[in-house]
Amino acid sequence: MTTYEHFIVYPDGDRQEIPGPLPFDALVDLNGRPLTLPLPTARMIAYRVVKIRRSEERGEVVTLHYLELVPAAELTEYT
């Protein structure tokens, strides 16, 4: 049996498990949930998935989604 684990990795190196995979370049909130566009406001903390790394070992597949903080000036384009 193979287990699949998905994590987000914040810019400071902290990791948090998430329920499923995220697409590359997706905008997500603090908890790794995808944000729906258009955004209600530009005054929020949002991250972008900039790198996805997958490692496979015996019986375990781990996917790491690396995040980058999106500046507020860039978020105004999505409101």
PDB file of N, CA and C in Angstrom:
ATOM      1  N   MET A   1       0.842  -1.184   0.000  1.00  0.00           N
ATOM      2  CA  MET A   1       0.000   0.000   0.000  1.00  0.00           C
ATOM      3  C   MET A   1       0.888   1.248   0.000  1.00  0.00           C
ATOM      4  N   THR A   2       0.526   2.205  -0.796  1.00  0.00           N
ATOM      5  CA  THR A   2       1.285   3.448  -0.899  1.00  0.00           C
ATOM      6  C   THR A   2       0.502   4.584  -0.254  1.00  0.00           C
ATOM      7  N   THR A   3       1.177   5.378   0.560  1.00  0.00           N
ATOM      8  CA  THR A   3       0.542   6.557   1.150  1.00  0.00           C
ATOM      9  C   THR A   3       1.047   7.791   0.421  1.00  0.00           C
ATOM     10  N   TYR A   4       0.145   8.745   0.245  1.00  0.00           N
ATOM     11  CA  TYR A   4       0.464   9.996  -0.429  1.00  0.00           C
ATOM     12  C   TYR A   4       0.311  11.133   0.578  1.00  0.00           C
ATOM     13  N   GLU A   5       1.352  11.943   0.714  1.00  0.00           N
ATOM     14  CA  GLU A   5       1.320  13.090   1.617  1.00  0.00           C
ATOM     15  C   GLU A   5       1.675  14.339   0.832  1.00  0.00           C
ATOM     16  N   HIS A   6       0.975  15.415   1.141  1.00  0.00           N
ATOM     17  CA  HIS A   6       1.199  16.691   0.461  1.00  0.00           C
ATOM     18  C   HIS A   6       1.472  17.751   1.527  1.00  0.00           C
ATOM     19  N   PHE A   7       2.495  18.561   1.301  1.00  0.00           N
ATOM     20  CA  PHE A   7       2.880  19.610   2.235  1.00  0.00           C
ATOM     21  C   PHE A   7       3.081  20.917   1.490  1.00  0.00           C
ATOM     22  N   ILE A   8       2.830  22.028   2.195  1.00  0.00           N
ATOM     23  CA  ILE A   8       3.266  23.328   1.695  1.00  0.00           C
ATOM     24  C   ILE A   8       4.480  23.725   2.526  1.00  0.00           C
ATOM     25  N   VAL A   9       5.432  24.389   1.874  1.00  0.00           N
ATOM     26  CA  VAL A   9       6.647  24.841   2.536  1.00  0.00           C
ATOM     27  C   VAL A   9       6.667  26.360   2.424  1.00  0.00           C
ATOM     28  N   TYR A  10       6.559  27.028   3.575  1.00  0.00           N
ATOM     29  CA  TYR A  10       6.557  28.491   3.610  1.00  0.00           C
ATOM     30  C   TYR A  10       7.954  29.033   3.323  1.00  0.00           C
ATOM     31  N   PRO A  11       8.066  30.316   2.962  1.00  0.00           N
ATOM     32  CA  PRO A  11       9.382  30.890   2.666  1.00  0.00           C
ATOM     33  C   PRO A  11      10.394  30.774   3.809  1.00  0.00           C
ATOM     34  N   ASP A  12       9.922  30.722   5.063  1.00  0.00           N
ATOM     35  CA  ASP A  12      10.858  30.596   6.190  1.00  0.00           C
ATOM     36  C   ASP A  12      11.242  29.151   6.481  1.00  0.00           C
ATOM     37  N   GLY A  13      10.698  28.178   5.724  1.00  0.00           N
ATOM     38  CA  GLY A  13      11.066  26.782   5.870  1.00  0.00           C
ATOM     39  C   GLY A  13      10.079  25.934   6.638  1.00  0.00           C
ATOM     40  N   ASP A  14       9.091  26.538   7.289  1.00  0.00           N
ATOM     41  CA  ASP A  14       8.074  25.761   8.005  1.00  0.00           C
ATOM     42  C   ASP A  14       7.244  24.950   7.017  1.00  0.00           C
ATOM     43  N   ARG A  15       6.794  23.767   7.467  1.00  0.00           N
ATOM     44  CA  ARG A  15       5.973  22.902   6.624  1.00  0.00           C
ATOM     45  C   ARG A  15       4.631  22.661   7.279  1.00  0.00           C
ATOM     46  N   GLN A  16       3.600  22.504   6.432  1.00  0.00           N
ATOM     47  CA  GLN A  16       2.251  22.200   6.913  1.00  0.00           C
ATOM     48  C   GLN A  16       1.628  21.209   5.939  1.00  0.00           C
ATOM     49  N   GLU A  17       0.994  20.184   6.480  1.00  0.00           N
ATOM     50  CA  GLU A  17       0.349  19.197   5.633  1.00  0.00           C
ATOM     51  C   GLU A  17      -0.959  19.756   5.082  1.00  0.00           C
ATOM     52  N   ILE A  18      -1.235  19.440   3.828  1.00  0.00           N
ATOM     53  CA  ILE A  18      -2.469  19.872   3.174  1.00  0.00           C
ATOM     54  C   ILE A  18      -3.184  18.628   2.636  1.00  0.00           C
ATOM     55  N   PRO A  19      -4.485  18.734   2.368  1.00  0.00           N
ATOM     56  CA  PRO A  19      -5.238  17.531   1.979  1.00  0.00           C
ATOM     57  C   PRO A  19      -4.950  16.989   0.583  1.00  0.00           C
ATOM     58  N   GLY A  20      -4.473  17.823  -0.333  1.00  0.00           N
ATOM     59  CA  GLY A  20      -4.272  17.342  -1.698  1.00  0.00           C
ATOM     60  C   GLY A  20      -3.249  18.171  -2.442  1.00  0.00           C
ATOM     61  N   PRO A  21      -2.955  17.789  -3.679  1.00  0.00           N
ATOM     62  CA  PRO A  21      -1.946  18.512  -4.461  1.00  0.00           C
ATOM     63  C   PRO A  21      -2.445  19.887  -4.920  1.00  0.00           C
ATOM     64  N   LEU A  22      -1.494  20.772  -5.179  1.00  0.00           N
ATOM     65  CA  LEU A  22      -1.776  22.109  -5.702  1.00  0.00           C
ATOM     66  C   LEU A  22      -1.107  22.256  -7.063  1.00  0.00           C
ATOM     67  N   PRO A  23      -1.724  22.993  -7.981  1.00  0.00           N
ATOM     68  CA  PRO A  23      -1.064  23.218  -9.272  1.00  0.00           C
ATOM     69  C   PRO A  23       0.041  24.253  -9.151  1.00  0.00           C
ATOM     70  N   PHE A  24       1.001  24.182 -10.056  1.00  0.00           N
ATOM     71  CA  PHE A  24       2.072  25.172 -10.110  1.00  0.00           C
ATOM     72  C   PHE A  24       1.480  26.545 -10.404  1.00  0.00           C
ATOM     73  N   ASP A  25       2.003  27.581  -9.776  1.00  0.00           N
ATOM     74  CA  ASP A  25       1.613  28.984  -9.967  1.00  0.00           C
ATOM     75  C   ASP A  25       0.235  29.307  -9.381  1.00  0.00           C
ATOM     76  N   ALA A  26      -0.294  28.445  -8.518  1.00  0.00           N
ATOM     77  CA  ALA A  26      -1.591  28.691  -7.897  1.00  0.00           C
ATOM     78  C   ALA A  26      -1.448  29.709  -6.774  1.00  0.00           C
ATOM     79  N   LEU A  27      -2.474  30.533  -6.594  1.00  0.00           N
ATOM     80  CA  LEU A  27      -2.532  31.452  -5.455  1.00  0.00           C
ATOM     81  C   LEU A  27      -3.261  30.751  -4.328  1.00  0.00           C
ATOM     82  N   VAL A  28      -2.647  30.757  -3.132  1.00  0.00           N
ATOM     83  CA  VAL A  28      -3.238  30.079  -1.985  1.00  0.00           C
ATOM     84  C   VAL A  28      -3.225  31.007  -0.772  1.00  0.00           C
ATOM     85  N   ASP A  29      -4.080  30.671   0.211  1.00  0.00           N
ATOM     86  CA  ASP A  29      -4.116  31.444   1.445  1.00  0.00           C
ATOM     87  C   ASP A  29      -3.103  30.879   2.443  1.00  0.00           C
ATOM     88  N   LEU A  30      -3.163  31.357   3.677  1.00  0.00           N
ATOM     89  CA  LEU A  30      -2.219  30.934   4.714  1.00  0.00           C
ATOM     90  C   LEU A  30      -2.236  29.436   4.985  1.00  0.00           C
ATOM     91  N   ASN A  31      -3.368  28.797   4.792  1.00  0.00           N
ATOM     92  CA  ASN A  31      -3.504  27.376   5.085  1.00  0.00           C
ATOM     93  C   ASN A  31      -3.319  26.486   3.863  1.00  0.00           C
ATOM     94  N   GLY A  32      -2.963  27.066   2.730  1.00  0.00           N
ATOM     95  CA  GLY A  32      -2.722  26.275   1.528  1.00  0.00           C
ATOM     96  C   GLY A  32      -3.953  25.999   0.701  1.00  0.00           C
ATOM     97  N   ARG A  33      -5.069  26.666   1.004  1.00  0.00           N
ATOM     98  CA  ARG A  33      -6.284  26.487   0.198  1.00  0.00           C
ATOM     99  C   ARG A  33      -6.234  27.441  -0.998  1.00  0.00           C
ATOM    100  N   PRO A  34      -6.572  26.950  -2.183  1.00  0.00           N
ATOM    101  CA  PRO A  34      -6.559  27.814  -3.372  1.00  0.00           C
ATOM    102  C   PRO A  34      -7.535  28.978  -3.226  1.00  0.00           C
ATOM    103  N   LEU A  35      -7.126  30.142  -3.694  1.00  0.00           N
ATOM    104  CA  LEU A  35      -7.974  31.336  -3.672  1.00  0.00           C
ATOM    105  C   LEU A  35      -8.759  31.415  -4.970  1.00  0.00           C
ATOM    106  N   THR A  36     -10.012  31.834  -4.873  1.00  0.00           N
ATOM    107  CA  THR A  36     -10.831  32.002  -6.069  1.00  0.00           C
ATOM    108  C   THR A  36     -10.693  33.438  -6.561  1.00  0.00           C
ATOM    109  N   LEU A  37     -10.624  33.566  -7.869  1.00  0.00           N
ATOM    110  CA  LEU A  37     -10.488  34.891  -8.484  1.00  0.00           C
ATOM    111  C   LEU A  37     -11.842  35.341  -8.983  1.00  0.00           C
ATOM    112  N   PRO A  38     -12.169  36.608  -8.946  1.00  0.00           N
ATOM    113  CA  PRO A  38     -11.364  37.714  -8.438  1.00  0.00           C
ATOM    114  C   PRO A  38     -11.336  37.723  -6.910  1.00  0.00           C
ATOM    115  N   LEU A  39     -10.246  38.238  -6.374  1.00  0.00           N
ATOM    116  CA  LEU A  39     -10.095  38.324  -4.928  1.00  0.00           C
ATOM    117  C   LEU A  39     -11.010  39.407  -4.373  1.00  0.00           C
ATOM    118  N   PRO A  40     -11.548  39.227  -3.173  1.00  0.00           N
ATOM    119  CA  PRO A  40     -12.425  40.244  -2.593  1.00  0.00           C
ATOM    120  C   PRO A  40     -11.669  41.529  -2.235  1.00  0.00           C
ATOM    121  N   THR A  41     -10.388  41.409  -1.890  1.00  0.00           N
ATOM    122  CA  THR A  41      -9.583  42.565  -1.526  1.00  0.00           C
ATOM    123  C   THR A  41      -8.112  42.245  -1.742  1.00  0.00           C
ATOM    124  N   ALA A  42      -7.316  43.283  -1.884  1.00  0.00           N
ATOM    125  CA  ALA A  42      -5.870  43.094  -2.030  1.00  0.00           C
ATOM    126  C   ALA A  42      -5.186  43.093  -0.669  1.00  0.00           C
ATOM    127  N   ARG A  43      -5.952  43.369   0.378  1.00  0.00           N
ATOM    128  CA  ARG A  43      -5.393  43.423   1.731  1.00  0.00           C
ATOM    129  C   ARG A  43      -5.506  42.053   2.402  1.00  0.00           C
ATOM    130  N   MET A  44      -4.731  41.118   1.903  1.00  0.00           N
ATOM    131  CA  MET A  44      -4.740  39.769   2.454  1.00  0.00           C
ATOM    132  C   MET A  44      -3.361  39.157   2.262  1.00  0.00           C
ATOM    133  N   ILE A  45      -3.103  38.105   3.010  1.00  0.00           N
ATOM    134  CA  ILE A  45      -1.845  37.385   2.858  1.00  0.00           C
ATOM    135  C   ILE A  45      -2.080  36.255   1.872  1.00  0.00           C
ATOM    136  N   ALA A  46      -1.315  36.271   0.799  1.00  0.00           N
ATOM    137  CA  ALA A  46      -1.454  35.246  -0.239  1.00  0.00           C
ATOM    138  C   ALA A  46      -0.072  34.753  -0.654  1.00  0.00           C
ATOM    139  N   TYR A  47      -0.024  33.502  -1.013  1.00  0.00           N
ATOM    140  CA  TYR A  47       1.214  32.878  -1.469  1.00  0.00           C
ATOM    141  C   TYR A  47       1.000  32.293  -2.852  1.00  0.00           C
ATOM    142  N   ARG A  48       2.114  32.127  -3.575  1.00  0.00           N
ATOM    143  CA  ARG A  48       2.086  31.502  -4.897  1.00  0.00           C
ATOM    144  C   ARG A  48       2.962  30.255  -4.847  1.00  0.00           C
ATOM    145  N   VAL A  49       2.502  29.176  -5.476  1.00  0.00           N
ATOM    146  CA  VAL A  49       3.292  27.954  -5.571  1.00  0.00           C
ATOM    147  C   VAL A  49       4.354  28.171  -6.646  1.00  0.00           C
ATOM    148  N   VAL A  50       5.630  28.164  -6.239  1.00  0.00           N
ATOM    149  CA  VAL A  50       6.715  28.458  -7.176  1.00  0.00           C
ATOM    150  C   VAL A  50       7.568  27.238  -7.507  1.00  0.00           C
ATOM    151  N   LYS A  51       7.405  26.169  -6.724  1.00  0.00           N
ATOM    152  CA  LYS A  51       8.203  24.967  -6.979  1.00  0.00           C
ATOM    153  C   LYS A  51       7.469  23.773  -6.378  1.00  0.00           C
ATOM    154  N   ILE A  52       7.496  22.662  -7.089  1.00  0.00           N
ATOM    155  CA  ILE A  52       6.888  21.430  -6.603  1.00  0.00           C
ATOM    156  C   ILE A  52       7.953  20.337  -6.671  1.00  0.00           C
ATOM    157  N   ARG A  53       8.134  19.664  -5.543  1.00  0.00           N
ATOM    158  CA  ARG A  53       9.141  18.616  -5.470  1.00  0.00           C
ATOM    159  C   ARG A  53       8.481  17.349  -4.942  1.00  0.00           C
ATOM    160  N   ARG A  54       8.740  16.251  -5.608  1.00  0.00           N
ATOM    161  CA  ARG A  54       8.102  14.986  -5.237  1.00  0.00           C
ATOM    162  C   ARG A  54       9.188  13.953  -4.958  1.00  0.00           C
ATOM    163  N   SER A  55       9.062  13.288  -3.830  1.00  0.00           N
ATOM    164  CA  SER A  55      10.012  12.222  -3.505  1.00  0.00           C
ATOM    165  C   SER A  55       9.232  10.934  -3.252  1.00  0.00           C
ATOM    166  N   GLU A  56       9.758   9.859  -3.792  1.00  0.00           N
ATOM    167  CA  GLU A  56       9.114   8.561  -3.661  1.00  0.00           C
ATOM    168  C   GLU A  56      10.064   7.612  -2.955  1.00  0.00           C
ATOM    169  N   GLU A  57       9.563   6.990  -1.925  1.00  0.00           N
ATOM    170  CA  GLU A  57      10.292   5.947  -1.227  1.00  0.00           C
ATOM    171  C   GLU A  57       9.366   4.755  -1.084  1.00  0.00           C
ATOM    172  N   ARG A  58       9.836   3.722  -0.513  1.00  0.00           N
ATOM    173  CA  ARG A  58       9.048   2.509  -0.384  1.00  0.00           C
ATOM    174  C   ARG A  58       7.752   2.771   0.376  1.00  0.00           C
ATOM    175  N   GLY A  59       6.633   2.692  -0.340  1.00  0.00           N
ATOM    176  CA  GLY A  59       5.328   2.840   0.287  1.00  0.00           C
ATOM    177  C   GLY A  59       4.918   4.254   0.629  1.00  0.00           C
ATOM    178  N   GLU A  60       5.685   5.249   0.186  1.00  0.00           N
ATOM    179  CA  GLU A  60       5.359   6.630   0.554  1.00  0.00           C
ATOM    180  C   GLU A  60       5.747   7.588  -0.568  1.00  0.00           C
ATOM    181  N   VAL A  61       4.818   8.459  -0.932  1.00  0.00           N
ATOM    182  CA  VAL A  61       5.074   9.509  -1.916  1.00  0.00           C
ATOM    183  C   VAL A  61       4.798  10.838  -1.224  1.00  0.00           C
ATOM    184  N   VAL A  62       5.816  11.694  -1.160  1.00  0.00           N
ATOM    185  CA  VAL A  62       5.694  12.990  -0.491  1.00  0.00           C
ATOM    186  C   VAL A  62       5.861  14.087  -1.535  1.00  0.00           C
ATOM    187  N   THR A  63       4.881  14.993  -1.597  1.00  0.00           N
ATOM    188  CA  THR A  63       4.939  16.125  -2.509  1.00  0.00           C
ATOM    189  C   THR A  63       5.070  17.398  -1.698  1.00  0.00           C
ATOM    190  N   LEU A  64       6.107  18.183  -1.991  1.00  0.00           N
ATOM    191  CA  LEU A  64       6.340  19.459  -1.321  1.00  0.00           C
ATOM    192  C   LEU A  64       6.011  20.585  -2.282  1.00  0.00           C
ATOM    193  N   HIS A  65       5.156  21.514  -1.857  1.00  0.00           N
ATOM    194  CA  HIS A  65       4.784  22.681  -2.656  1.00  0.00           C
ATOM    195  C   HIS A  65       5.435  23.894  -1.995  1.00  0.00           C
ATOM    196  N   TYR A  66       6.425  24.472  -2.634  1.00  0.00           N
ATOM    197  CA  TYR A  66       7.142  25.619  -2.076  1.00  0.00           C
ATOM    198  C   TYR A  66       6.386  26.901  -2.408  1.00  0.00           C
ATOM    199  N   LEU A  67       6.232  27.757  -1.403  1.00  0.00           N
ATOM    200  CA  LEU A  67       5.445  28.985  -1.541  1.00  0.00           C
ATOM    201  C   LEU A  67       6.330  30.220  -1.519  1.00  0.00           C
ATOM    202  N   GLU A  68       5.826  31.262  -2.181  1.00  0.00           N
ATOM    203  CA  GLU A  68       6.454  32.582  -2.190  1.00  0.00           C
ATOM    204  C   GLU A  68       5.370  33.594  -1.848  1.00  0.00           C
ATOM    205  N   LEU A  69       5.685  34.533  -0.979  1.00  0.00           N
ATOM    206  CA  LEU A  69       4.723  35.557  -0.592  1.00  0.00           C
ATOM    207  C   LEU A  69       4.458  36.493  -1.767  1.00  0.00           C
ATOM    208  N   VAL A  70       3.190  36.770  -2.030  1.00  0.00           N
ATOM    209  CA  VAL A  70       2.809  37.662  -3.128  1.00  0.00           C
ATOM    210  C   VAL A  70       2.628  39.061  -2.545  1.00  0.00           C
ATOM    211  N   PRO A  71       3.336  40.069  -3.093  1.00  0.00           N
ATOM    212  CA  PRO A  71       3.192  41.433  -2.566  1.00  0.00           C
ATOM    213  C   PRO A  71       1.795  42.008  -2.832  1.00  0.00           C
ATOM    214  N   ALA A  72       1.359  42.923  -1.964  1.00  0.00           N
ATOM    215  CA  ALA A  72       0.028  43.521  -2.076  1.00  0.00           C
ATOM    216  C   ALA A  72      -0.149  44.241  -3.405  1.00  0.00           C
ATOM    217  N   ALA A  73       0.898  44.870  -3.912  1.00  0.00           N
ATOM    218  CA  ALA A  73       0.800  45.576  -5.188  1.00  0.00           C
ATOM    219  C   ALA A  73       0.418  44.613  -6.323  1.00  0.00           C
ATOM    220  N   GLU A  74       0.919  43.405  -6.260  1.00  0.00           N
ATOM    221  CA  GLU A  74       0.584  42.421  -7.293  1.00  0.00           C
ATOM    222  C   GLU A  74      -0.821  41.858  -7.100  1.00  0.00           C
ATOM    223  N   LEU A  75      -1.280  41.801  -5.848  1.00  0.00           N
ATOM    224  CA  LEU A  75      -2.622  41.281  -5.587  1.00  0.00           C
ATOM    225  C   LEU A  75      -3.712  42.194  -6.134  1.00  0.00           C
ATOM    226  N   THR A  76      -3.434  43.483  -6.298  1.00  0.00           N
ATOM    227  CA  THR A  76      -4.447  44.394  -6.840  1.00  0.00           C
ATOM    228  C   THR A  76      -4.833  44.014  -8.266  1.00  0.00           C
ATOM    229  N   GLU A  77      -3.930  43.332  -8.986  1.00  0.00           N
ATOM    230  CA  GLU A  77      -4.259  42.880 -10.332  1.00  0.00           C
ATOM    231  C   GLU A  77      -5.336  41.787 -10.337  1.00  0.00           C
ATOM    232  N   TYR A  78      -5.491  41.099  -9.202  1.00  0.00           N
ATOM    233  CA  TYR A  78      -6.435  39.996  -9.115  1.00  0.00           C
ATOM    234  C   TYR A  78      -7.757  40.376  -8.460  1.00  0.00           C
ATOM    235  N   THR A  79      -7.956  41.648  -8.110  1.00  0.00           N
ATOM    236  CA  THR A  79      -9.208  42.071  -7.475  1.00  0.00           C
ATOM    237  C   THR A  79     -10.218  42.527  -8.506  1.00  0.00           C
TER     238      THR A  79
END
